[in-house]
Amino acid sequence: MSNYIRFDWAIKRLLRQKANFVVLEGLLTVLLKETIKIVNLLDSESNQEDENDKFNRVDMLAENEKGELIVIEVQNSREVAFFHRMIYGTSKVICDRMSLGSKYSEVKKVYSVNIVYFELGQGKDYIYYGRTEFRSLHHPEEILQLSKSQKKQFQKETVADIFPEYYLLRVENFDDLTVSPLTEWMTFLKTSTIRENTTAPGLQEARTILTEINMNEEERAVYKRYVENMRYQQSLMETQRIEGREEGREEGREEGRGEGEVIGRTEEKNKIAVNLLKNGVSIEIVSASTGLSKEQIERLI
């Protein structure tokens, strides 16, 4: 297996070109379990080329052949309220695409694909799926269905087909050794490696598209700095996370388990912030990386 350009970098630049849609189409086809064809990339709100983006996030809004909308978001920095932003993201997309006077039946179907490189929530798996269903309060096995006329009018089979659907890929939790299109994609997202004999949709094309040889000298230099910055941040965050857990346990023994965990988490954030500041990282990036407010960081300074 060979190393290729990181997915979060590629989605900011290379994968926005129409000729390269095939890579994203492959990932979406594997996740949604149906052939996806991207016909258009729409404006999104957070792809600004600023310093904070180095350690923050990137998103993309795509439209498929059915007129459905797909939000793809990659997040490197830890964010406690990420679930809330997932809700906000789908809601904003729906509202932004509705013109004044539009009928409710014109609301677009939205898929939200979220790729995170930090620990989010509690769970053993590396991929989770969420959809909206209405279950009977008195008969939980019963799910509310669309009427025949609604199915015909909306061209949907279930109520859940109308509501947004969410995919959450927790990259750092991936450790599956089996070989399938999904695990091959997860391997690429985590390690930027692709099997030479891959048959996973999109990854065959990625072996040609996502190589450094396609970059000019300036782009290659910027990319290498980005990779080094990401490695440094991930290493630092992991080290401080381990130390914070140990301190939390020690405090828990002395002052009670609950209080110790809170103190450990606080100390963990503070240590990460101090180390980032010592290495010349801006307050904005420190805030995005730790979840501390600017006022808290200024007090540390």
C-alpha atoms as a PDB file:
ATOM      1  CA  MET A   1       0.000   0.000   0.000  1.00  0.00           C
ATOM      2  CA  SER A   2       1.151   3.545  -0.772  1.00  0.00           C
ATOM      3  CA  ASN A   3       0.481   6.848   0.963  1.00  0.00           C
ATOM      4  CA  TYR A   4      -1.713   9.404  -0.765  1.00  0.00           C
ATOM      5  CA  ILE A   5      -2.859  12.963  -0.091  1.00  0.00           C
ATOM      6  CA  ARG A   6      -4.935  13.289   3.092  1.00  0.00           C
ATOM      7  CA  PHE A   7      -8.678  13.283   2.476  1.00  0.00           C
ATOM      8  CA  ASP A   8      -9.318  16.501   4.432  1.00  0.00           C
ATOM      9  CA  TRP A   9      -6.752  18.322   2.301  1.00  0.00           C
ATOM     10  CA  ALA A  10      -8.065  16.820  -0.918  1.00  0.00           C
ATOM     11  CA  ILE A  11     -11.670  17.754  -0.193  1.00  0.00           C
ATOM     12  CA  LYS A  12     -10.641  21.397   0.154  1.00  0.00           C
ATOM     13  CA  ARG A  13      -8.962  21.445  -3.229  1.00  0.00           C
ATOM     14  CA  LEU A  14      -8.677  18.496  -5.611  1.00  0.00           C
ATOM     15  CA  LEU A  15     -12.066  16.878  -5.039  1.00  0.00           C
ATOM     16  CA  ARG A  16     -13.949  20.084  -5.864  1.00  0.00           C
ATOM     17  CA  GLN A  17     -13.056  19.694  -9.523  1.00  0.00           C
ATOM     18  CA  LYS A  18     -15.815  18.077 -11.552  1.00  0.00           C
ATOM     19  CA  ALA A  19     -13.397  15.594 -13.096  1.00  0.00           C
ATOM     20  CA  ASN A  20     -12.580  14.335  -9.600  1.00  0.00           C
ATOM     21  CA  PHE A  21     -16.148  13.943  -8.313  1.00  0.00           C
ATOM     22  CA  VAL A  22     -15.749  10.207  -8.844  1.00  0.00           C
ATOM     23  CA  VAL A  23     -13.731   9.894  -5.605  1.00  0.00           C
ATOM     24  CA  LEU A  24     -16.455  11.452  -3.457  1.00  0.00           C
ATOM     25  CA  GLU A  25     -19.098   9.530  -5.357  1.00  0.00           C
ATOM     26  CA  GLY A  26     -17.303   6.334  -4.370  1.00  0.00           C
ATOM     27  CA  LEU A  27     -17.333   7.183  -0.661  1.00  0.00           C
ATOM     28  CA  LEU A  28     -21.009   8.167  -0.765  1.00  0.00           C
ATOM     29  CA  THR A  29     -21.931   5.054  -2.739  1.00  0.00           C
ATOM     30  CA  VAL A  30     -20.313   2.853  -0.082  1.00  0.00           C
ATOM     31  CA  LEU A  31     -21.986   4.706   2.805  1.00  0.00           C
ATOM     32  CA  LEU A  32     -25.465   5.174   1.380  1.00  0.00           C
ATOM     33  CA  LYS A  33     -25.459   1.736  -0.261  1.00  0.00           C
ATOM     34  CA  GLU A  34     -26.718   3.062  -3.563  1.00  0.00           C
ATOM     35  CA  THR A  35     -24.975   4.469  -6.607  1.00  0.00           C
ATOM     36  CA  ILE A  36     -24.462   8.203  -6.078  1.00  0.00           C
ATOM     37  CA  LYS A  37     -23.794  10.632  -8.907  1.00  0.00           C
ATOM     38  CA  ILE A  38     -22.843  14.200  -7.980  1.00  0.00           C
ATOM     39  CA  VAL A  39     -24.180  16.723 -10.458  1.00  0.00           C
ATOM     40  CA  ASN A  40     -23.281  19.921  -8.652  1.00  0.00           C
ATOM     41  CA  LEU A  41     -21.309  21.402  -5.765  1.00  0.00           C
ATOM     42  CA  LEU A  42     -23.146  24.177  -3.945  1.00  0.00           C
ATOM     43  CA  ASP A  43     -21.878  26.998  -1.763  1.00  0.00           C
ATOM     44  CA  SER A  44     -20.992  26.098   1.813  1.00  0.00           C
ATOM     45  CA  GLU A  45     -20.311  28.436   4.684  1.00  0.00           C
ATOM     46  CA  SER A  46     -17.026  27.318   6.197  1.00  0.00           C
ATOM     47  CA  ASN A  47     -14.337  26.780   3.606  1.00  0.00           C
ATOM     48  CA  GLN A  48     -12.450  29.976   4.297  1.00  0.00           C
ATOM     49  CA  GLU A  49      -8.717  29.825   3.751  1.00  0.00           C
ATOM     50  CA  ASP A  50      -7.644  31.183   7.120  1.00  0.00           C
ATOM     51  CA  GLU A  51      -5.156  30.075   9.748  1.00  0.00           C
ATOM     52  CA  ASN A  52      -7.796  28.477  11.924  1.00  0.00           C
ATOM     53  CA  ASP A  53      -8.806  26.095   9.119  1.00  0.00           C
ATOM     54  CA  LYS A  54      -5.447  24.332   9.406  1.00  0.00           C
ATOM     55  CA  PHE A  55      -6.625  22.642  12.582  1.00  0.00           C
ATOM     56  CA  ASN A  56     -10.351  23.005  12.264  1.00  0.00           C
ATOM     57  CA  ARG A  57     -12.714  21.687   9.652  1.00  0.00           C
ATOM     58  CA  VAL A  58     -13.821  21.591   6.062  1.00  0.00           C
ATOM     59  CA  ASP A  59     -17.236  21.004   4.591  1.00  0.00           C
ATOM     60  CA  MET A  60     -18.799  20.459   1.205  1.00  0.00           C
ATOM     61  CA  LEU A  61     -22.384  20.581  -0.029  1.00  0.00           C
ATOM     62  CA  ALA A  62     -23.197  18.354  -2.992  1.00  0.00           C
ATOM     63  CA  GLU A  63     -26.339  17.668  -4.997  1.00  0.00           C
ATOM     64  CA  ASN A  64     -27.030  14.262  -6.515  1.00  0.00           C
ATOM     65  CA  GLU A  65     -29.062  13.253  -9.557  1.00  0.00           C
ATOM     66  CA  LYS A  66     -32.244  13.013  -7.474  1.00  0.00           C
ATOM     67  CA  GLY A  67     -31.920  16.612  -6.324  1.00  0.00           C
ATOM     68  CA  GLU A  68     -31.025  15.428  -2.814  1.00  0.00           C
ATOM     69  CA  LEU A  69     -28.427  17.354  -0.820  1.00  0.00           C
ATOM     70  CA  ILE A  70     -25.379  15.814   0.826  1.00  0.00           C
ATOM     71  CA  VAL A  71     -23.355  17.644   3.469  1.00  0.00           C
ATOM     72  CA  ILE A  72     -19.839  16.236   3.890  1.00  0.00           C
ATOM     73  CA  GLU A  73     -17.941  17.569   6.875  1.00  0.00           C
ATOM     74  CA  VAL A  74     -14.466  16.713   8.115  1.00  0.00           C
ATOM     75  CA  GLN A  75     -13.480  17.814  11.618  1.00  0.00           C
ATOM     76  CA  ASN A  76      -9.961  17.493  13.053  1.00  0.00           C
ATOM     77  CA  SER A  77     -10.272  19.502  16.260  1.00  0.00           C
ATOM     78  CA  ARG A  78     -12.256  18.318  19.257  1.00  0.00           C
ATOM     79  CA  GLU A  79     -15.648  19.992  19.612  1.00  0.00           C
ATOM     80  CA  VAL A  80     -17.970  19.030  22.454  1.00  0.00           C
ATOM     81  CA  ALA A  81     -21.051  20.463  20.716  1.00  0.00           C
ATOM     82  CA  PHE A  82     -20.411  18.728  17.401  1.00  0.00           C
ATOM     83  CA  PHE A  83     -23.742  16.871  17.554  1.00  0.00           C
ATOM     84  CA  HIS A  84     -25.518  20.206  17.851  1.00  0.00           C
ATOM     85  CA  ARG A  85     -23.660  21.537  14.847  1.00  0.00           C
ATOM     86  CA  MET A  86     -24.759  18.502  12.839  1.00  0.00           C
ATOM     87  CA  ILE A  87     -28.369  19.479  13.556  1.00  0.00           C
ATOM     88  CA  TYR A  88     -27.682  23.109  12.728  1.00  0.00           C
ATOM     89  CA  GLY A  89     -25.928  22.156   9.508  1.00  0.00           C
ATOM     90  CA  THR A  90     -28.812  20.129   8.096  1.00  0.00           C
ATOM     91  CA  SER A  91     -31.391  22.684   9.242  1.00  0.00           C
ATOM     92  CA  LYS A  92     -29.486  25.552   7.645  1.00  0.00           C
ATOM     93  CA  VAL A  93     -29.104  23.699   4.364  1.00  0.00           C
ATOM     94  CA  ILE A  94     -32.845  23.019   4.240  1.00  0.00           C
ATOM     95  CA  CYS A  95     -33.753  26.622   5.031  1.00  0.00           C
ATOM     96  CA  ASP A  96     -31.189  28.121   2.663  1.00  0.00           C
ATOM     97  CA  ARG A  97     -32.557  26.075  -0.245  1.00  0.00           C
ATOM     98  CA  MET A  98     -36.180  27.103   0.346  1.00  0.00           C
ATOM     99  CA  SER A  99     -37.334  30.270  -1.356  1.00  0.00           C
ATOM    100  CA  LEU A 100     -40.070  32.512   0.070  1.00  0.00           C
ATOM    101  CA  GLY A 101     -43.467  31.031  -0.718  1.00  0.00           C
ATOM    102  CA  SER A 102     -42.170  27.519  -1.402  1.00  0.00           C
ATOM    103  CA  LYS A 103     -44.356  24.577  -0.442  1.00  0.00           C
ATOM    104  CA  TYR A 104     -43.308  22.337   2.438  1.00  0.00           C
ATOM    105  CA  SER A 105     -43.416  19.417   0.028  1.00  0.00           C
ATOM    106  CA  GLU A 106     -40.423  21.009  -1.744  1.00  0.00           C
ATOM    107  CA  VAL A 107     -38.119  20.520   1.246  1.00  0.00           C
ATOM    108  CA  LYS A 108     -35.000  18.740   0.010  1.00  0.00           C
ATOM    109  CA  LYS A 109     -33.839  15.410   1.397  1.00  0.00           C
ATOM    110  CA  VAL A 110     -30.507  15.920   3.197  1.00  0.00           C
ATOM    111  CA  TYR A 111     -27.779  13.422   4.033  1.00  0.00           C
ATOM    112  CA  SER A 112     -25.200  14.520   6.592  1.00  0.00           C
ATOM    113  CA  VAL A 113     -21.838  12.715   6.374  1.00  0.00           C
ATOM    114  CA  ASN A 114     -19.535  13.617   9.269  1.00  0.00           C
ATOM    115  CA  ILE A 115     -15.916  12.443   9.431  1.00  0.00           C
ATOM    116  CA  VAL A 116     -14.313  13.201  12.792  1.00  0.00           C
ATOM    117  CA  TYR A 117     -10.728  12.645  13.945  1.00  0.00           C
ATOM    118  CA  PHE A 118     -11.393  12.947  17.670  1.00  0.00           C
ATOM    119  CA  GLU A 119     -13.289  11.052  20.347  1.00  0.00           C
ATOM    120  CA  LEU A 120     -16.965  11.950  20.042  1.00  0.00           C
ATOM    121  CA  GLY A 121     -19.570  10.453  22.327  1.00  0.00           C
ATOM    122  CA  GLN A 122     -19.320   6.988  23.867  1.00  0.00           C
ATOM    123  CA  GLY A 123     -19.455   3.861  21.752  1.00  0.00           C
ATOM    124  CA  LYS A 124     -17.336   0.970  20.529  1.00  0.00           C
ATOM    125  CA  ASP A 125     -18.006   1.186  16.793  1.00  0.00           C
ATOM    126  CA  TYR A 126     -16.317   3.451  14.272  1.00  0.00           C
ATOM    127  CA  ILE A 127     -19.404   4.276  12.231  1.00  0.00           C
ATOM    128  CA  TYR A 128     -22.923   5.205  13.308  1.00  0.00           C
ATOM    129  CA  TYR A 129     -26.103   5.923  11.390  1.00  0.00           C
ATOM    130  CA  GLY A 130     -29.098   7.979  12.466  1.00  0.00           C
ATOM    131  CA  ARG A 131     -32.552   8.523  10.967  1.00  0.00           C
ATOM    132  CA  THR A 132     -35.948   9.746  12.177  1.00  0.00           C
ATOM    133  CA  GLU A 133     -38.765   7.290  12.793  1.00  0.00           C
ATOM    134  CA  PHE A 134     -42.075   7.771  14.611  1.00  0.00           C
ATOM    135  CA  ARG A 135     -42.877   4.824  16.880  1.00  0.00           C
ATOM    136  CA  SER A 136     -46.131   4.199  18.672  1.00  0.00           C
ATOM    137  CA  LEU A 137     -45.969   5.212  22.321  1.00  0.00           C
ATOM    138  CA  HIS A 138     -48.216   2.304  23.328  1.00  0.00           C
ATOM    139  CA  HIS A 139     -46.976  -0.213  20.745  1.00  0.00           C
ATOM    140  CA  PRO A 140     -43.222   0.444  20.283  1.00  0.00           C
ATOM    141  CA  GLU A 141     -42.933  -2.150  17.530  1.00  0.00           C
ATOM    142  CA  GLU A 142     -45.284  -0.082  15.341  1.00  0.00           C
ATOM    143  CA  ILE A 143     -43.700   2.588  13.111  1.00  0.00           C
ATOM    144  CA  LEU A 144     -45.848   5.337  11.578  1.00  0.00           C
ATOM    145  CA  GLN A 145     -46.088   4.916   7.795  1.00  0.00           C
ATOM    146  CA  LEU A 146     -46.908   7.198   4.876  1.00  0.00           C
ATOM    147  CA  SER A 147     -50.329   6.897   3.301  1.00  0.00           C
ATOM    148  CA  LYS A 148     -50.620   5.663  -0.292  1.00  0.00           C
ATOM    149  CA  SER A 149     -51.374   9.192  -1.512  1.00  0.00           C
ATOM    150  CA  GLN A 150     -48.319  10.583   0.332  1.00  0.00           C
ATOM    151  CA  LYS A 151     -46.086   7.908  -1.169  1.00  0.00           C
ATOM    152  CA  LYS A 152     -47.335   8.821  -4.616  1.00  0.00           C
ATOM    153  CA  GLN A 153     -47.047  12.565  -4.105  1.00  0.00           C
ATOM    154  CA  PHE A 154     -43.658  12.622  -2.375  1.00  0.00           C
ATOM    155  CA  GLN A 155     -42.125   9.634  -4.170  1.00  0.00           C
ATOM    156  CA  LYS A 156     -41.008   8.290  -0.788  1.00  0.00           C
ATOM    157  CA  GLU A 157     -41.616   4.915   0.834  1.00  0.00           C
ATOM    158  CA  THR A 158     -41.290   5.818   4.515  1.00  0.00           C
ATOM    159  CA  VAL A 159     -41.538   8.849   6.782  1.00  0.00           C
ATOM    160  CA  ALA A 160     -37.813   8.476   7.503  1.00  0.00           C
ATOM    161  CA  ASP A 161     -37.095   8.997   3.801  1.00  0.00           C
ATOM    162  CA  ILE A 162     -38.279  12.593   4.171  1.00  0.00           C
ATOM    163  CA  PHE A 163     -36.145  13.541   7.172  1.00  0.00           C
ATOM    164  CA  PRO A 164     -32.364  14.119   7.206  1.00  0.00           C
ATOM    165  CA  GLU A 165     -30.145  11.074   7.680  1.00  0.00           C
ATOM    166  CA  TYR A 166     -26.829  11.172   9.504  1.00  0.00           C
ATOM    167  CA  TYR A 167     -23.617   9.209   9.099  1.00  0.00           C
ATOM    168  CA  LEU A 168     -20.894   9.605  11.719  1.00  0.00           C
ATOM    169  CA  LEU A 169     -17.439   8.169  10.967  1.00  0.00           C
ATOM    170  CA  ARG A 170     -15.207   8.132  14.055  1.00  0.00           C
ATOM    171  CA  VAL A 171     -11.908   7.618  12.272  1.00  0.00           C
ATOM    172  CA  GLU A 172      -9.689   7.194  15.319  1.00  0.00           C
ATOM    173  CA  ASN A 173     -11.884   4.307  16.538  1.00  0.00           C
ATOM    174  CA  PHE A 174     -11.347   2.319  13.362  1.00  0.00           C
ATOM    175  CA  ASP A 175      -9.283  -0.865  13.823  1.00  0.00           C
ATOM    176  CA  ASP A 176     -11.117  -3.365  11.619  1.00  0.00           C
ATOM    177  CA  LEU A 177      -8.831  -5.823   9.798  1.00  0.00           C
ATOM    178  CA  THR A 178     -11.467  -7.221   7.438  1.00  0.00           C
ATOM    179  CA  VAL A 179     -11.401  -6.162   3.787  1.00  0.00           C
ATOM    180  CA  SER A 180     -14.544  -4.584   2.354  1.00  0.00           C
ATOM    181  CA  PRO A 181     -15.293  -1.355   0.459  1.00  0.00           C
ATOM    182  CA  LEU A 182     -16.207   0.338   3.752  1.00  0.00           C
ATOM    183  CA  THR A 183     -13.111  -0.768   5.663  1.00  0.00           C
ATOM    184  CA  GLU A 184     -10.895   0.175   2.709  1.00  0.00           C
ATOM    185  CA  TRP A 185     -12.361   3.658   2.779  1.00  0.00           C
ATOM    186  CA  MET A 186     -11.914   3.889   6.552  1.00  0.00           C
ATOM    187  CA  THR A 187      -8.290   2.779   6.171  1.00  0.00           C
ATOM    188  CA  PHE A 188      -7.727   5.548   3.647  1.00  0.00           C
ATOM    189  CA  LEU A 189      -9.386   8.152   5.887  1.00  0.00           C
ATOM    190  CA  LYS A 190      -7.228   7.104   8.848  1.00  0.00           C
ATOM    191  CA  THR A 191      -3.861   6.336   7.235  1.00  0.00           C
ATOM    192  CA  SER A 192      -4.036   7.818   3.697  1.00  0.00           C
ATOM    193  CA  THR A 193      -3.153   4.405   2.277  1.00  0.00           C
ATOM    194  CA  ILE A 194      -4.887   2.486  -0.509  1.00  0.00           C
ATOM    195  CA  ARG A 195      -4.420  -1.154  -1.487  1.00  0.00           C
ATOM    196  CA  GLU A 196      -2.926  -1.564  -4.953  1.00  0.00           C
ATOM    197  CA  ASN A 197      -5.589  -4.091  -5.934  1.00  0.00           C
ATOM    198  CA  THR A 198      -8.504  -2.180  -4.385  1.00  0.00           C
ATOM    199  CA  THR A 199     -11.912  -2.532  -5.973  1.00  0.00           C
ATOM    200  CA  ALA A 200     -13.663  -0.106  -3.607  1.00  0.00           C
ATOM    201  CA  PRO A 201     -15.685   2.542  -5.484  1.00  0.00           C
ATOM    202  CA  GLY A 202     -13.742   5.777  -5.767  1.00  0.00           C
ATOM    203  CA  LEU A 203     -10.467   4.451  -4.377  1.00  0.00           C
ATOM    204  CA  GLN A 204      -9.251   3.105  -7.697  1.00  0.00           C
ATOM    205  CA  GLU A 205      -9.522   6.615  -9.139  1.00  0.00           C
ATOM    206  CA  ALA A 206      -8.066   8.114  -5.944  1.00  0.00           C
ATOM    207  CA  ARG A 207      -4.836   6.183  -6.571  1.00  0.00           C
ATOM    208  CA  THR A 208      -4.338   8.359  -9.646  1.00  0.00           C
ATOM    209  CA  ILE A 209      -5.899  11.622  -8.511  1.00  0.00           C
ATOM    210  CA  LEU A 210      -4.657  11.931  -4.916  1.00  0.00           C
ATOM    211  CA  THR A 211      -0.906  11.806  -5.456  1.00  0.00           C
ATOM    212  CA  GLU A 212       1.576  14.542  -4.659  1.00  0.00           C
ATOM    213  CA  ILE A 213       2.853  14.382  -8.205  1.00  0.00           C
ATOM    214  CA  ASN A 214      -0.298  16.276  -9.225  1.00  0.00           C
ATOM    215  CA  MET A 215       0.774  19.249  -7.093  1.00  0.00           C
ATOM    216  CA  ASN A 216       3.095  22.049  -8.123  1.00  0.00           C
ATOM    217  CA  GLU A 217       6.090  22.861  -5.952  1.00  0.00           C
ATOM    218  CA  GLU A 218       4.313  25.529  -3.920  1.00  0.00           C
ATOM    219  CA  GLU A 219       1.268  23.343  -3.244  1.00  0.00           C
ATOM    220  CA  ARG A 220       3.513  20.457  -2.226  1.00  0.00           C
ATOM    221  CA  ALA A 221       5.370  22.639   0.283  1.00  0.00           C
ATOM    222  CA  VAL A 222       2.123  23.949   1.807  1.00  0.00           C
ATOM    223  CA  TYR A 223       0.725  20.427   2.012  1.00  0.00           C
ATOM    224  CA  LYS A 224       3.809  19.078   3.763  1.00  0.00           C
ATOM    225  CA  ARG A 225       3.609  21.850   6.366  1.00  0.00           C
ATOM    226  CA  TYR A 226      -0.047  21.021   6.872  1.00  0.00           C
ATOM    227  CA  VAL A 227       0.715  17.327   7.421  1.00  0.00           C
ATOM    228  CA  GLU A 228       3.470  18.117   9.913  1.00  0.00           C
ATOM    229  CA  ASN A 229       1.178  20.493  11.795  1.00  0.00           C
ATOM    230  CA  MET A 230      -1.525  17.839  11.956  1.00  0.00           C
ATOM    231  CA  ARG A 231       0.904  15.185  13.175  1.00  0.00           C
ATOM    232  CA  TYR A 232       2.214  17.511  15.854  1.00  0.00           C
ATOM    233  CA  GLN A 233      -1.243  18.455  17.048  1.00  0.00           C
ATOM    234  CA  GLN A 234      -2.479  14.851  17.112  1.00  0.00           C
ATOM    235  CA  SER A 235       0.607  13.697  19.003  1.00  0.00           C
ATOM    236  CA  LEU A 236       0.322  16.514  21.504  1.00  0.00           C
ATOM    237  CA  MET A 237      -3.394  15.974  22.025  1.00  0.00           C
ATOM    238  CA  GLU A 238      -2.901  12.232  22.563  1.00  0.00           C
ATOM    239  CA  THR A 239      -0.057  12.763  25.046  1.00  0.00           C
ATOM    240  CA  GLN A 240      -2.000  15.331  27.032  1.00  0.00           C
ATOM    241  CA  ARG A 241      -5.126  13.180  26.916  1.00  0.00           C
ATOM    242  CA  ILE A 242      -3.248  10.282  28.530  1.00  0.00           C
ATOM    243  CA  GLU A 243      -1.670  12.520  31.158  1.00  0.00           C
ATOM    244  CA  GLY A 244      -5.005  14.154  31.864  1.00  0.00           C
ATOM    245  CA  ARG A 245      -6.659  10.788  32.419  1.00  0.00           C
ATOM    246  CA  GLU A 246      -3.955   9.766  34.870  1.00  0.00           C
ATOM    247  CA  GLU A 247      -4.254  13.037  36.772  1.00  0.00           C
ATOM    248  CA  GLY A 248      -8.016  12.685  36.778  1.00  0.00           C
ATOM    249  CA  ARG A 249      -7.747   9.223  38.318  1.00  0.00           C
ATOM    250  CA  GLU A 250      -5.344  10.466  40.997  1.00  0.00           C
ATOM    251  CA  GLU A 251      -7.562  13.400  41.887  1.00  0.00           C
ATOM    252  CA  GLY A 252     -10.519  11.051  41.915  1.00  0.00           C
ATOM    253  CA  ARG A 253      -8.892   8.870  44.560  1.00  0.00           C
ATOM    254  CA  GLU A 254      -8.327  11.885  46.796  1.00  0.00           C
ATOM    255  CA  GLU A 255     -11.457  13.941  46.236  1.00  0.00           C
ATOM    256  CA  GLY A 256     -13.989  11.555  44.786  1.00  0.00           C
ATOM    257  CA  ARG A 257     -14.325   9.991  41.379  1.00  0.00           C
ATOM    258  CA  GLY A 258     -16.712  12.537  39.878  1.00  0.00           C
ATOM    259  CA  GLU A 259     -14.732  15.586  40.943  1.00  0.00           C
ATOM    260  CA  GLY A 260     -11.474  13.976  39.879  1.00  0.00           C
ATOM    261  CA  GLU A 261     -12.712  13.393  36.348  1.00  0.00           C
ATOM    262  CA  VAL A 262     -13.772  17.024  36.036  1.00  0.00           C
ATOM    263  CA  ILE A 263     -10.413  18.263  37.314  1.00  0.00           C
ATOM    264  CA  GLY A 264      -8.564  15.868  35.043  1.00  0.00           C
ATOM    265  CA  ARG A 265     -10.408  17.110  31.982  1.00  0.00           C
ATOM    266  CA  THR A 266      -9.789  20.742  32.945  1.00  0.00           C
ATOM    267  CA  GLU A 267      -6.088  20.162  33.553  1.00  0.00           C
ATOM    268  CA  GLU A 268      -5.853  18.257  30.274  1.00  0.00           C
ATOM    269  CA  LYS A 269      -7.271  21.181  28.326  1.00  0.00           C
ATOM    270  CA  ASN A 270      -5.049  23.678  30.126  1.00  0.00           C
ATOM    271  CA  LYS A 271      -1.879  21.680  29.480  1.00  0.00           C
ATOM    272  CA  ILE A 272      -2.723  21.253  25.815  1.00  0.00           C
ATOM    273  CA  ALA A 273      -3.373  24.983  25.539  1.00  0.00           C
ATOM    274  CA  VAL A 274      -0.090  25.917  27.250  1.00  0.00           C
ATOM    275  CA  ASN A 275       1.933  23.606  25.002  1.00  0.00           C
ATOM    276  CA  LEU A 276       0.271  24.938  21.857  1.00  0.00           C
ATOM    277  CA  LEU A 277       0.893  28.532  22.974  1.00  0.00           C
ATOM    278  CA  LYS A 278       4.544  27.761  23.696  1.00  0.00           C
ATOM    279  CA  ASN A 279       4.902  26.532  20.126  1.00  0.00           C
ATOM    280  CA  GLY A 280       3.534  29.731  18.646  1.00  0.00           C
ATOM    281  CA  VAL A 281       0.001  28.530  17.887  1.00  0.00           C
ATOM    282  CA  SER A 282      -2.548  31.359  17.732  1.00  0.00           C
ATOM    283  CA  ILE A 283      -5.240  31.802  20.383  1.00  0.00           C
ATOM    284  CA  GLU A 284      -7.939  31.061  17.788  1.00  0.00           C
ATOM    285  CA  ILE A 285      -6.426  27.666  16.948  1.00  0.00           C
ATOM    286  CA  VAL A 286      -5.845  26.861  20.624  1.00  0.00           C
ATOM    287  CA  SER A 287      -9.496  27.647  21.304  1.00  0.00           C
ATOM    288  CA  ALA A 288     -10.666  25.421  18.432  1.00  0.00           C
ATOM    289  CA  SER A 289      -8.362  22.589  19.545  1.00  0.00           C
ATOM    290  CA  THR A 290      -9.233  22.583  23.254  1.00  0.00           C
ATOM    291  CA  GLY A 291     -12.723  24.034  23.545  1.00  0.00           C
ATOM    292  CA  LEU A 292     -11.425  26.725  25.934  1.00  0.00           C
ATOM    293  CA  SER A 293     -12.736  30.254  25.477  1.00  0.00           C
ATOM    294  CA  LYS A 294     -10.406  33.077  24.470  1.00  0.00           C
ATOM    295  CA  GLU A 295     -10.811  34.553  27.953  1.00  0.00           C
ATOM    296  CA  GLN A 296      -9.701  31.270  29.573  1.00  0.00           C
ATOM    297  CA  ILE A 297      -6.672  31.082  27.277  1.00  0.00           C
ATOM    298  CA  GLU A 298      -5.730  34.697  27.978  1.00  0.00           C
ATOM    299  CA  ARG A 299      -5.793  33.910  31.702  1.00  0.00           C
ATOM    300  CA  LEU A 300      -3.372  31.038  31.080  1.00  0.00           C
ATOM    301  CA  ILE A 301      -1.061  33.413  29.212  1.00  0.00           C
END
